[in-house]
C-alpha atoms as a PDB file:
ATOM      1  CA  MET A   1      -6.677 -16.592 -14.263  1.00  0.00           C
ATOM      2  CA  LEU A   2      -3.462 -14.761 -15.109  1.00  0.00           C
ATOM      3  CA  ARG A   3      -1.595 -13.571 -12.018  1.00  0.00           C
ATOM      4  CA  THR A   4      -0.493  -9.956 -12.241  1.00  0.00           C
ATOM      5  CA  VAL A   5       0.550  -6.921 -10.296  1.00  0.00           C
ATOM      6  CA  THR A   6      -2.317  -4.492 -10.903  1.00  0.00           C
ATOM      7  CA  ALA A   7      -2.108  -0.699 -10.732  1.00  0.00           C
ATOM      8  CA  GLY A   8      -4.960   1.794 -10.820  1.00  0.00           C
ATOM      9  CA  LEU A   9      -4.203   4.569 -13.277  1.00  0.00           C
ATOM     10  CA  ASP A  10      -6.024   7.870 -13.805  1.00  0.00           C
ATOM     11  CA  GLY A  11      -3.284   9.995 -15.369  1.00  0.00           C
ATOM     12  CA  SER A  12      -2.414  11.885 -12.164  1.00  0.00           C
ATOM     13  CA  PRO A  13       1.225  12.170 -10.980  1.00  0.00           C
ATOM     14  CA  GLU A  14       0.481   9.959  -7.988  1.00  0.00           C
ATOM     15  CA  SER A  15      -1.064   7.225 -10.119  1.00  0.00           C
ATOM     16  CA  ARG A  16       1.904   7.359 -12.500  1.00  0.00           C
ATOM     17  CA  ALA A  17       4.270   6.964  -9.541  1.00  0.00           C
ATOM     18  CA  ALA A  18       2.162   3.995  -8.448  1.00  0.00           C
ATOM     19  CA  ALA A  19       2.369   2.466 -11.939  1.00  0.00           C
ATOM     20  CA  GLU A  20       6.166   2.812 -11.920  1.00  0.00           C
ATOM     21  CA  TRP A  21       6.369   1.179  -8.492  1.00  0.00           C
ATOM     22  CA  ALA A  22       4.080  -1.597  -9.714  1.00  0.00           C
ATOM     23  CA  ALA A  23       6.344  -2.131 -12.741  1.00  0.00           C
ATOM     24  CA  ARG A  24       9.352  -2.616 -10.473  1.00  0.00           C
ATOM     25  CA  GLU A  25       7.352  -4.963  -8.256  1.00  0.00           C
ATOM     26  CA  SER A  26       6.230  -6.928 -11.319  1.00  0.00           C
ATOM     27  CA  ALA A  27       9.871  -7.420 -12.271  1.00  0.00           C
ATOM     28  CA  LEU A  28      10.714  -8.613  -8.732  1.00  0.00           C
ATOM     29  CA  ARG A  29       7.850 -11.129  -8.892  1.00  0.00           C
ATOM     30  CA  SER A  30       8.361 -12.104 -12.573  1.00  0.00           C
ATOM     31  CA  LEU A  31       4.711 -11.276 -13.267  1.00  0.00           C
ATOM     32  CA  PRO A  32       2.940  -9.166 -15.895  1.00  0.00           C
ATOM     33  CA  LEU A  33       1.855  -5.647 -14.977  1.00  0.00           C
ATOM     34  CA  LYS A  34      -1.798  -4.749 -15.514  1.00  0.00           C
ATOM     35  CA  LEU A  35      -2.743  -1.080 -15.752  1.00  0.00           C
ATOM     36  CA  VAL A  36      -6.418  -0.471 -15.009  1.00  0.00           C
ATOM     37  CA  HIS A  37      -8.073   2.784 -16.036  1.00  0.00           C
ATOM     38  CA  VAL A  38     -11.606   3.303 -14.733  1.00  0.00           C
ATOM     39  CA  TRP A  39     -13.908   5.744 -16.500  1.00  0.00           C
ATOM     40  CA  GLU A  40     -16.483   7.159 -14.129  1.00  0.00           C
ATOM     41  CA  PRO A  41     -20.046   8.019 -15.167  1.00  0.00           C
ATOM     42  CA  VAL A  42     -20.903  11.695 -15.214  1.00  0.00           C
ATOM     43  CA  PRO A  43     -21.501  12.912 -11.641  1.00  0.00           C
ATOM     44  CA  GLU A  44     -25.134  13.533 -10.754  1.00  0.00           C
ATOM     45  CA  PRO A  45     -24.738  17.298 -10.104  1.00  0.00           C
ATOM     46  CA  MET A  46     -23.061  17.707 -13.488  1.00  0.00           C
ATOM     47  CA  ALA A  47     -25.755  15.659 -15.202  1.00  0.00           C
ATOM     48  CA  GLN A  48     -28.381  18.016 -13.818  1.00  0.00           C
ATOM     49  CA  ALA A  49     -26.486  21.231 -14.539  1.00  0.00           C
ATOM     50  CA  PRO A  50     -28.378  23.503 -16.981  1.00  0.00           C
ATOM     51  CA  LEU A  51     -25.064  24.832 -18.344  1.00  0.00           C
ATOM     52  CA  LEU A  52     -24.402  21.531 -20.067  1.00  0.00           C
ATOM     53  CA  GLY A  53     -27.200  22.080 -22.530  1.00  0.00           C
ATOM     54  CA  ALA A  54     -29.872  19.620 -23.610  1.00  0.00           C
ATOM     55  CA  GLU A  55     -27.820  17.878 -26.316  1.00  0.00           C
ATOM     56  CA  THR A  56     -24.709  17.473 -24.143  1.00  0.00           C
ATOM     57  CA  GLN A  57     -26.764  16.254 -21.213  1.00  0.00           C
ATOM     58  CA  GLN A  58     -28.537  13.701 -23.401  1.00  0.00           C
ATOM     59  CA  HIS A  59     -25.197  12.530 -24.826  1.00  0.00           C
ATOM     60  CA  TRP A  60     -23.680  11.959 -21.354  1.00  0.00           C
ATOM     61  CA  THR A  61     -26.811  10.314 -20.041  1.00  0.00           C
ATOM     62  CA  GLU A  62     -27.103   7.884 -22.931  1.00  0.00           C
ATOM     63  CA  ARG A  63     -23.446   6.909 -22.797  1.00  0.00           C
ATOM     64  CA  SER A  64     -23.544   6.504 -19.021  1.00  0.00           C
ATOM     65  CA  GLU A  65     -26.591   4.262 -19.220  1.00  0.00           C
ATOM     66  CA  MET A  66     -24.887   2.116 -21.839  1.00  0.00           C
ATOM     67  CA  GLY A  67     -21.597   2.045 -19.947  1.00  0.00           C
ATOM     68  CA  VAL A  68     -19.847   3.645 -22.910  1.00  0.00           C
ATOM     69  CA  PRO A  69     -16.974   6.072 -22.229  1.00  0.00           C
ATOM     70  CA  PRO A  70     -16.293   9.204 -24.270  1.00  0.00           C
ATOM     71  CA  ALA A  71     -14.260   8.292 -27.323  1.00  0.00           C
ATOM     72  CA  GLU A  72     -11.793  11.185 -27.233  1.00  0.00           C
ATOM     73  CA  GLY A  73      -8.810  10.460 -25.015  1.00  0.00           C
ATOM     74  CA  TRP A  74     -10.393   7.316 -23.550  1.00  0.00           C
ATOM     75  CA  GLY A  75      -7.555   4.957 -24.361  1.00  0.00           C
ATOM     76  CA  SER A  76      -4.678   7.436 -24.296  1.00  0.00           C
ATOM     77  CA  ILE A  77      -3.963   7.328 -20.543  1.00  0.00           C
ATOM     78  CA  PRO A  78      -3.297   3.585 -20.180  1.00  0.00           C
ATOM     79  CA  ARG A  79      -1.776   3.305 -23.656  1.00  0.00           C
ATOM     80  CA  GLU A  80       0.756   6.101 -23.134  1.00  0.00           C
ATOM     81  CA  ALA A  81       1.611   4.837 -19.655  1.00  0.00           C
ATOM     82  CA  ALA A  82       2.105   1.298 -20.958  1.00  0.00           C
ATOM     83  CA  GLU A  83       4.349   2.493 -23.774  1.00  0.00           C
ATOM     84  CA  GLY A  84       6.515   4.486 -21.388  1.00  0.00           C
ATOM     85  CA  ILE A  85       6.813   1.643 -18.890  1.00  0.00           C
ATOM     86  CA  ALA A  86       7.702  -0.827 -21.644  1.00  0.00           C
ATOM     87  CA  LEU A  87      10.561   1.451 -22.711  1.00  0.00           C
ATOM     88  CA  ARG A  88      11.858   1.853 -19.150  1.00  0.00           C
ATOM     89  CA  HIS A  89      11.421  -1.816 -18.239  1.00  0.00           C
ATOM     90  CA  PRO A  90      12.441  -3.925 -21.253  1.00  0.00           C
ATOM     91  CA  GLY A  91      11.033  -7.423 -21.222  1.00  0.00           C
ATOM     92  CA  LEU A  92       8.183  -6.602 -18.835  1.00  0.00           C
ATOM     93  CA  GLU A  93       4.775  -7.670 -20.108  1.00  0.00           C
ATOM     94  CA  VAL A  94       2.323  -4.779 -19.723  1.00  0.00           C
ATOM     95  CA  ILE A  95      -1.434  -5.289 -20.041  1.00  0.00           C
ATOM     96  CA  THR A  96      -3.985  -2.484 -20.142  1.00  0.00           C
ATOM     97  CA  GLU A  97      -7.619  -2.717 -19.117  1.00  0.00           C
ATOM     98  CA  GLN A  98     -10.296  -0.036 -19.403  1.00  0.00           C
ATOM     99  CA  LEU A  99     -13.324  -0.368 -17.177  1.00  0.00           C
ATOM    100  CA  TYR A 100     -16.461   1.626 -16.450  1.00  0.00           C
ATOM    101  CA  GLY A 101     -17.921   2.529 -13.074  1.00  0.00           C
ATOM    102  CA  HIS A 102     -16.880   3.937  -9.729  1.00  0.00           C
ATOM    103  CA  PRO A 103     -13.179   3.224  -8.978  1.00  0.00           C
ATOM    104  CA  ALA A 104     -13.888   2.342  -5.332  1.00  0.00           C
ATOM    105  CA  ASP A 105     -16.125  -0.491  -6.555  1.00  0.00           C
ATOM    106  CA  VAL A 106     -14.345  -1.499  -9.759  1.00  0.00           C
ATOM    107  CA  LEU A 107     -10.699  -1.636  -8.631  1.00  0.00           C
ATOM    108  CA  PRO A 108     -11.099  -4.261  -5.865  1.00  0.00           C
ATOM    109  CA  GLU A 109     -13.012  -6.475  -8.298  1.00  0.00           C
ATOM    110  CA  ALA A 110     -10.408  -5.946 -11.046  1.00  0.00           C
ATOM    111  CA  ALA A 111      -7.623  -7.036  -8.675  1.00  0.00           C
ATOM    112  CA  LYS A 112      -9.276 -10.162  -7.264  1.00  0.00           C
ATOM    113  CA  ASP A 113      -6.776 -12.442  -8.986  1.00  0.00           C
ATOM    114  CA  ALA A 114      -3.781 -10.111  -8.676  1.00  0.00           C
ATOM    115  CA  ASP A 115      -0.849 -10.624  -6.320  1.00  0.00           C
ATOM    116  CA  LEU A 116      -1.448  -7.071  -5.179  1.00  0.00           C
ATOM    117  CA  LEU A 117      -3.113  -3.807  -6.175  1.00  0.00           C
ATOM    118  CA  VAL A 118      -1.135  -0.555  -6.316  1.00  0.00           C
ATOM    119  CA  LEU A 119      -2.634   2.935  -5.939  1.00  0.00           C
ATOM    120  CA  GLY A 120      -1.247   6.444  -5.637  1.00  0.00           C
ATOM    121  CA  SER A 121      -1.586   9.007  -2.843  1.00  0.00           C
ATOM    122  CA  ARG A 122      -0.881  12.728  -2.925  1.00  0.00           C
ATOM    123  CA  GLY A 123       1.846  14.237  -0.763  1.00  0.00           C
ATOM    124  CA  LEU A 124       1.430  17.226   1.525  1.00  0.00           C
ATOM    125  CA  SER A 125       4.175  19.820   1.725  1.00  0.00           C
ATOM    126  CA  GLY A 126       6.342  19.654   4.839  1.00  0.00           C
ATOM    127  CA  PRO A 127       5.973  17.000   7.525  1.00  0.00           C
ATOM    128  CA  GLY A 128       2.171  16.899   7.355  1.00  0.00           C
ATOM    129  CA  GLY A 129       2.009  13.527   5.641  1.00  0.00           C
ATOM    130  CA  PHE A 130       0.078  12.230   2.656  1.00  0.00           C
ATOM    131  CA  ILE A 131      -3.457  12.400   1.386  1.00  0.00           C
ATOM    132  CA  VAL A 132      -5.276   9.123   1.004  1.00  0.00           C
ATOM    133  CA  GLY A 133      -8.548  10.027  -0.659  1.00  0.00           C
ATOM    134  CA  SER A 134     -11.918   8.434  -0.180  1.00  0.00           C
ATOM    135  CA  VAL A 135     -11.406   6.118  -3.148  1.00  0.00           C
ATOM    136  CA  GLY A 136      -8.059   4.887  -1.833  1.00  0.00           C
ATOM    137  CA  LEU A 137      -9.395   4.320   1.671  1.00  0.00           C
ATOM    138  CA  SER A 138     -12.442   2.491   0.347  1.00  0.00           C
ATOM    139  CA  VAL A 139     -10.316   0.230  -1.850  1.00  0.00           C
ATOM    140  CA  VAL A 140      -7.933  -0.522   1.015  1.00  0.00           C
ATOM    141  CA  ALA A 141     -10.890  -1.319   3.273  1.00  0.00           C
ATOM    142  CA  HIS A 142     -12.675  -3.662   0.881  1.00  0.00           C
ATOM    143  CA  ALA A 143     -10.055  -5.247  -1.391  1.00  0.00           C
ATOM    144  CA  GLU A 144      -9.473  -8.957  -0.903  1.00  0.00           C
ATOM    145  CA  ARG A 145      -5.859  -8.675  -2.038  1.00  0.00           C
ATOM    146  CA  PRO A 146      -2.976  -6.657  -0.534  1.00  0.00           C
ATOM    147  CA  VAL A 147      -3.083  -2.981  -1.512  1.00  0.00           C
ATOM    148  CA  VAL A 148       0.035  -0.805  -1.776  1.00  0.00           C
ATOM    149  CA  LEU A 149      -0.251   2.978  -1.490  1.00  0.00           C
ATOM    150  CA  VAL A 150       2.530   4.897  -3.245  1.00  0.00           C
ATOM    151  CA  ARG A 151       3.080   8.608  -2.699  1.00  0.00           C
ATOM    152  CA  ALA A 152       3.335  11.085  -5.544  1.00  0.00           C
ATOM    153  CA  LEU A 153       6.829  11.555  -7.005  1.00  0.00           C
ATOM    154  CA  GLN A 154       8.061   8.300  -5.423  1.00  0.00           C
ATOM    155  CA  GLN A 155      11.231   7.232  -7.253  1.00  0.00           C
ATOM    156  CA  ALA A 156      13.111   3.947  -7.440  1.00  0.00           C
ATOM    157  CA  ALA A 157      16.150   5.511  -5.759  1.00  0.00           C
ATOM    158  CA  ASP A 158      14.045   6.427  -2.720  1.00  0.00           C
ATOM    159  CA  GLU A 159      13.803   2.734  -1.816  1.00  0.00           C
ATOM    160  CA  HIS A 160      17.557   2.173  -1.823  1.00  0.00           C
ATOM    161  CA  GLU A 161      20.469   2.955   0.456  1.00  0.00           C
ATOM    162  CA  PRO A 162      22.557   6.050  -0.351  1.00  0.00           C
ATOM    163  CA  ASP A 163      25.644   5.525  -2.476  1.00  0.00           C
ATOM    164  CA  PRO A 164      29.156   6.199  -1.074  1.00  0.00           C
ATOM    165  CA  VAL A 165      28.711   9.955  -1.512  1.00  0.00           C
ATOM    166  CA  GLY A 166      25.348   9.965   0.266  1.00  0.00           C
ATOM    167  CA  ILE A 167      22.998  10.077  -2.731  1.00  0.00           C
ATOM    168  CA  PRO A 168      20.166   7.509  -2.986  1.00  0.00           C
ATOM    169  CA  SER A 169      20.688   5.286  -6.001  1.00  0.00           C
ATOM    170  CA  ALA A 170      18.798   2.409  -7.572  1.00  0.00           C
ATOM    171  CA  ALA A 171      22.170   0.685  -7.981  1.00  0.00           C
ATOM    172  CA  THR A 172      22.630   0.287  -4.206  1.00  0.00           C
ATOM    173  CA  PRO A 173      20.932  -2.321  -1.964  1.00  0.00           C
ATOM    174  CA  PHE A 174      17.328  -1.888  -0.916  1.00  0.00           C
ATOM    175  CA  ARG A 175      16.533  -0.309   2.416  1.00  0.00           C
ATOM    176  CA  PRO A 176      14.925  -2.729   4.926  1.00  0.00           C
ATOM    177  CA  VAL A 177      11.287  -3.764   4.755  1.00  0.00           C
ATOM    178  CA  VAL A 178       9.387  -2.784   7.923  1.00  0.00           C
ATOM    179  CA  LEU A 179       6.592  -4.946   9.339  1.00  0.00           C
ATOM    180  CA  GLY A 180       4.224  -3.764  12.047  1.00  0.00           C
ATOM    181  CA  LEU A 181       3.206  -6.799  14.098  1.00  0.00           C
ATOM    182  CA  ASP A 182       0.719  -7.313  16.899  1.00  0.00           C
ATOM    183  CA  THR A 183       2.064 -10.322  18.806  1.00  0.00           C
ATOM    184  CA  ALA A 184      -1.382 -10.990  20.270  1.00  0.00           C
ATOM    185  CA  HIS A 185      -2.604 -11.785  16.727  1.00  0.00           C
ATOM    186  CA  PRO A 186       0.449 -12.707  14.591  1.00  0.00           C
ATOM    187  CA  ASP A 187      -1.323 -13.514  11.331  1.00  0.00           C
ATOM    188  CA  GLU A 188       0.532 -15.801   8.929  1.00  0.00           C
ATOM    189  CA  THR A 189      -0.660 -14.041   5.769  1.00  0.00           C
ATOM    190  CA  LEU A 190       0.741 -10.716   6.969  1.00  0.00           C
ATOM    191  CA  ILE A 191       4.061 -12.143   8.125  1.00  0.00           C
ATOM    192  CA  ALA A 192       4.535 -14.205   4.964  1.00  0.00           C
ATOM    193  CA  PHE A 193       3.955 -11.134   2.776  1.00  0.00           C
ATOM    194  CA  ALA A 194       6.611  -9.144   4.650  1.00  0.00           C
ATOM    195  CA  PHE A 195       9.217 -11.917   4.613  1.00  0.00           C
ATOM    196  CA  ASP A 196       8.600 -12.516   0.912  1.00  0.00           C
ATOM    197  CA  ALA A 197       8.977  -8.792   0.159  1.00  0.00           C
ATOM    198  CA  ALA A 198      12.306  -8.685   2.015  1.00  0.00           C
ATOM    199  CA  LEU A 199      13.526 -11.850   0.301  1.00  0.00           C
ATOM    200  CA  ARG A 200      12.733 -10.514  -3.175  1.00  0.00           C
ATOM    201  CA  ARG A 201      14.558  -7.273  -2.364  1.00  0.00           C
ATOM    202  CA  GLU A 202      17.495  -9.140  -0.801  1.00  0.00           C
ATOM    203  CA  THR A 203      17.259  -6.915   2.233  1.00  0.00           C
ATOM    204  CA  ALA A 204      16.560  -7.150   5.962  1.00  0.00           C
ATOM    205  CA  LEU A 205      13.151  -7.333   7.571  1.00  0.00           C
ATOM    206  CA  ARG A 206      12.684  -4.995  10.535  1.00  0.00           C
ATOM    207  CA  VAL A 207       9.731  -6.152  12.663  1.00  0.00           C
ATOM    208  CA  VAL A 208       8.316  -3.442  14.925  1.00  0.00           C
ATOM    209  CA  HIS A 209       6.098  -4.255  17.895  1.00  0.00           C
ATOM    210  CA  ALA A 210       4.872  -1.561  20.278  1.00  0.00           C
ATOM    211  CA  TRP A 211       3.592  -2.408  23.734  1.00  0.00           C
ATOM    212  CA  ASN A 212       1.845  -0.636  26.578  1.00  0.00           C
ATOM    213  CA  PRO A 213       1.164  -1.683  30.173  1.00  0.00           C
ATOM    214  CA  PRO A 214      -2.266  -3.183  30.858  1.00  0.00           C
ATOM    215  CA  PRO A 215      -4.824  -0.584  31.979  1.00  0.00           C
ATOM    216  CA  TYR A 216      -4.671  -1.713  35.600  1.00  0.00           C
ATOM    217  CA  TYR A 217      -0.934  -0.910  35.569  1.00  0.00           C
ATOM    218  CA  ALA A 218      -1.116   2.218  33.484  1.00  0.00           C
ATOM    219  CA  TYR A 219      -3.591   4.201  35.560  1.00  0.00           C
ATOM    220  CA  GLY A 220      -3.203   5.295  39.132  1.00  0.00           C
ATOM    221  CA  THR A 221       0.122   3.561  39.784  1.00  0.00           C
ATOM    222  CA  PRO A 222       3.486   5.220  40.465  1.00  0.00           C
ATOM    223  CA  ALA A 223       6.438   4.743  38.141  1.00  0.00           C
ATOM    224  CA  ASN A 224       7.955   1.307  38.580  1.00  0.00           C
ATOM    225  CA  PRO A 225      11.199   0.757  36.611  1.00  0.00           C
ATOM    226  CA  ALA A 226      11.351  -2.930  37.512  1.00  0.00           C
ATOM    227  CA  LEU A 227       7.809  -3.524  36.245  1.00  0.00           C
ATOM    228  CA  HIS A 228       8.553  -1.572  33.058  1.00  0.00           C
ATOM    229  CA  GLU A 229      11.642  -3.704  32.448  1.00  0.00           C
ATOM    230  CA  ALA A 230       9.692  -6.909  33.035  1.00  0.00           C
ATOM    231  CA  LEU A 231       6.954  -5.891  30.610  1.00  0.00           C
ATOM    232  CA  ALA A 232       9.530  -4.893  27.993  1.00  0.00           C
ATOM    233  CA  LEU A 233      11.263  -8.264  28.341  1.00  0.00           C
ATOM    234  CA  SER A 234       7.937 -10.080  28.021  1.00  0.00           C
ATOM    235  CA  ALA A 235       7.109  -8.122  24.841  1.00  0.00           C
ATOM    236  CA  ALA A 236      10.493  -8.991  23.330  1.00  0.00           C
ATOM    237  CA  GLU A 237      10.019 -12.673  24.169  1.00  0.00           C
ATOM    238  CA  ASP A 238       6.565 -12.696  22.581  1.00  0.00           C
ATOM    239  CA  LEU A 239       7.946 -11.143  19.404  1.00  0.00           C
ATOM    240  CA  ALA A 240      10.831 -13.616  19.215  1.00  0.00           C
ATOM    241  CA  LYS A 241       8.405 -16.515  19.687  1.00  0.00           C
ATOM    242  CA  ALA A 242       6.087 -15.255  16.936  1.00  0.00           C
ATOM    243  CA  LEU A 243       8.971 -14.907  14.464  1.00  0.00           C
ATOM    244  CA  SER A 244      10.909 -18.071  15.326  1.00  0.00           C
ATOM    245  CA  PRO A 245       9.243 -20.364  12.735  1.00  0.00           C
ATOM    246  CA  TRP A 246       9.543 -17.672  10.078  1.00  0.00           C
ATOM    247  CA  ARG A 247      13.265 -17.278  10.624  1.00  0.00           C
ATOM    248  CA  THR A 248      13.557 -21.004   9.894  1.00  0.00           C
ATOM    249  CA  ARG A 249      11.332 -20.749   6.834  1.00  0.00           C
ATOM    250  CA  PHE A 250      13.248 -17.744   5.431  1.00  0.00           C
ATOM    251  CA  PRO A 251      16.862 -18.351   6.515  1.00  0.00           C
ATOM    252  CA  GLY A 252      18.174 -15.917   3.917  1.00  0.00           C
ATOM    253  CA  VAL A 253      16.306 -12.941   5.389  1.00  0.00           C
ATOM    254  CA  GLU A 254      18.078 -11.020   8.124  1.00  0.00           C
ATOM    255  CA  THR A 255      15.402 -10.330  10.739  1.00  0.00           C
ATOM    256  CA  VAL A 256      15.685  -7.456  13.192  1.00  0.00           C
ATOM    257  CA  GLU A 257      13.249  -7.483  16.113  1.00  0.00           C
ATOM    258  CA  VAL A 258      12.278  -4.120  17.593  1.00  0.00           C
ATOM    259  CA  THR A 259      10.026  -3.702  20.622  1.00  0.00           C
ATOM    260  CA  ARG A 260       9.141  -0.196  21.761  1.00  0.00           C
ATOM    261  CA  TYR A 261       6.987   1.270  24.497  1.00  0.00           C
ATOM    262  CA  GLY A 262       4.250   3.577  23.230  1.00  0.00           C
ATOM    263  CA  SER A 263       2.159   4.151  20.115  1.00  0.00           C
ATOM    264  CA  PRO A 264       2.528   1.556  17.311  1.00  0.00           C
ATOM    265  CA  SER A 265       1.738   4.101  14.597  1.00  0.00           C
ATOM    266  CA  VAL A 266       4.347   6.567  15.872  1.00  0.00           C
ATOM    267  CA  HIS A 267       7.076   3.912  15.901  1.00  0.00           C
ATOM    268  CA  LEU A 268       6.092   2.581  12.467  1.00  0.00           C
ATOM    269  CA  VAL A 269       6.076   6.039  10.905  1.00  0.00           C
ATOM    270  CA  ASP A 270       9.471   6.691  12.467  1.00  0.00           C
ATOM    271  CA  ALA A 271      10.815   3.381  11.113  1.00  0.00           C
ATOM    272  CA  SER A 272       9.475   4.209   7.641  1.00  0.00           C
ATOM    273  CA  ARG A 273      12.080   6.947   7.235  1.00  0.00           C
ATOM    274  CA  GLU A 274      14.763   4.319   6.678  1.00  0.00           C
ATOM    275  CA  ALA A 275      12.640   1.685   4.922  1.00  0.00           C
ATOM    276  CA  SER A 276      11.856   0.669   1.347  1.00  0.00           C
ATOM    277  CA  LEU A 277       8.369  -0.597   2.213  1.00  0.00           C
ATOM    278  CA  VAL A 278       6.135  -0.680   5.301  1.00  0.00           C
ATOM    279  CA  VAL A 279       3.804  -3.666   5.726  1.00  0.00           C
ATOM    280  CA  VAL A 280       0.761  -3.463   8.002  1.00  0.00           C
ATOM    281  CA  GLY A 281      -2.363  -5.555   8.399  1.00  0.00           C
ATOM    282  CA  ARG A 282      -6.085  -5.032   8.155  1.00  0.00           C
ATOM    283  CA  ARG A 283      -8.561  -7.415   9.705  1.00  0.00           C
ATOM    284  CA  ALA A 284     -10.937  -8.510   6.942  1.00  0.00           C
ATOM    285  CA  ARG A 285     -14.611  -7.964   7.713  1.00  0.00           C
ATOM    286  CA  ARG A 286     -17.542  -8.904   5.532  1.00  0.00           C
ATOM    287  CA  ASN A 287     -19.746  -6.001   6.672  1.00  0.00           C
ATOM    288  CA  PRO A 288     -19.765  -3.483   3.793  1.00  0.00           C
ATOM    289  CA  VAL A 289     -20.480  -0.566   6.140  1.00  0.00           C
ATOM    290  CA  GLY A 290     -17.553   1.389   7.555  1.00  0.00           C
ATOM    291  CA  SER A 291     -13.875   1.638   6.705  1.00  0.00           C
ATOM    292  CA  HIS A 292     -12.561  -1.371   8.695  1.00  0.00           C
ATOM    293  CA  ILE A 293      -8.963  -0.211   8.358  1.00  0.00           C
ATOM    294  CA  GLY A 294      -7.921   0.231  11.986  1.00  0.00           C
ATOM    295  CA  HIS A 295      -6.451   3.316  13.581  1.00  0.00           C
ATOM    296  CA  VAL A 296      -2.807   2.177  13.394  1.00  0.00           C
ATOM    297  CA  THR A 297      -2.975   1.284   9.702  1.00  0.00           C
ATOM    298  CA  HIS A 298      -4.936   4.470   8.992  1.00  0.00           C
ATOM    299  CA  ALA A 299      -2.234   6.602  10.651  1.00  0.00           C
ATOM    300  CA  VAL A 300       0.590   4.796   8.853  1.00  0.00           C
ATOM    301  CA  LEU A 301      -1.142   5.256   5.487  1.00  0.00           C
ATOM    302  CA  HIS A 302      -1.316   9.003   6.018  1.00  0.00           C
ATOM    303  CA  HIS A 303       2.121   9.620   7.495  1.00  0.00           C
ATOM    304  CA  ALA A 304       4.632   6.972   6.381  1.00  0.00           C
ATOM    305  CA  THR A 305       7.265   8.358   4.036  1.00  0.00           C
ATOM    306  CA  VAL A 306       7.511   5.257   1.799  1.00  0.00           C
ATOM    307  CA  PRO A 307       5.059   2.907   0.054  1.00  0.00           C
ATOM    308  CA  VAL A 308       2.733   1.117   2.474  1.00  0.00           C
ATOM    309  CA  ALA A 309       1.344  -2.384   1.864  1.00  0.00           C
ATOM    310  CA  VAL A 310      -1.934  -3.167   3.629  1.00  0.00           C
ATOM    311  CA  VAL A 311      -2.508  -6.923   3.877  1.00  0.00           C
ATOM    312  CA  PRO A 312      -6.040  -8.147   4.686  1.00  0.00           C
ATOM    313  CA  HIS A 313      -6.252 -11.116   6.998  1.00  0.00           C
ATOM    314  CA  ASP A 314      -8.772 -13.022   9.099  1.00  0.00           C
END
């Protein structure tokens, strides 16, 4: 199968931002970009609505049963997006694919052979964060490949350091890649993805690990600075040990180790403000029921200020 970077496209501003991010990632990986547009069957309430009329209702029903999309405008969304991306990214191979069904089911299947799948998320005004809809959360929870969520209006310059006058520019170096790592379960797939992302961007990798005292220390005990210092040192040693073989494997990647006391999601969201990409993990589960995303990853998806890559692992 042809390896690609795959982006889900529905014509919305957030999906167009995701497609642009995916195009840049395709160039970094020297892979084709595949734009997937999923046409959904008519929703059940609409199919039963008397205002549609008998002929219209029959038309929708027949086409839905056959898996046939409406002809008007069906191919325009991926075609126009592909044409625009080809103009902005000369030499990039762009493939379009039009599928039928529910995006939450179709997109993970469409990206099974992709390096990663890219989706868009809507931004909230102010510091509230970002909206990751039910489709996005479902895809993140069930996709077998890494999924990147890109906020609406995300621009290439946002991932780069400011120029000498303080303005972000795509001509300057990339900001660091941030990896959230649990040293109790340092999965190789997750770490490899983050190091590879930093290497391709020729930037540093900032690895963030948050720690908390064990419950028998945290509750009912007075403040103990010496104990706090010992636990902090132990957390830093665990992080250094987990990353040691990866520093050897990726000698060209500057690695910055950060251990912090407190909430992992809070520290990762804070680190995202100066990052180009945040990488977090999701433990893969075969049970189709439930989201299986994890509370830290869920919080980062909603509140990080840059694209977030969710990497499934065992």
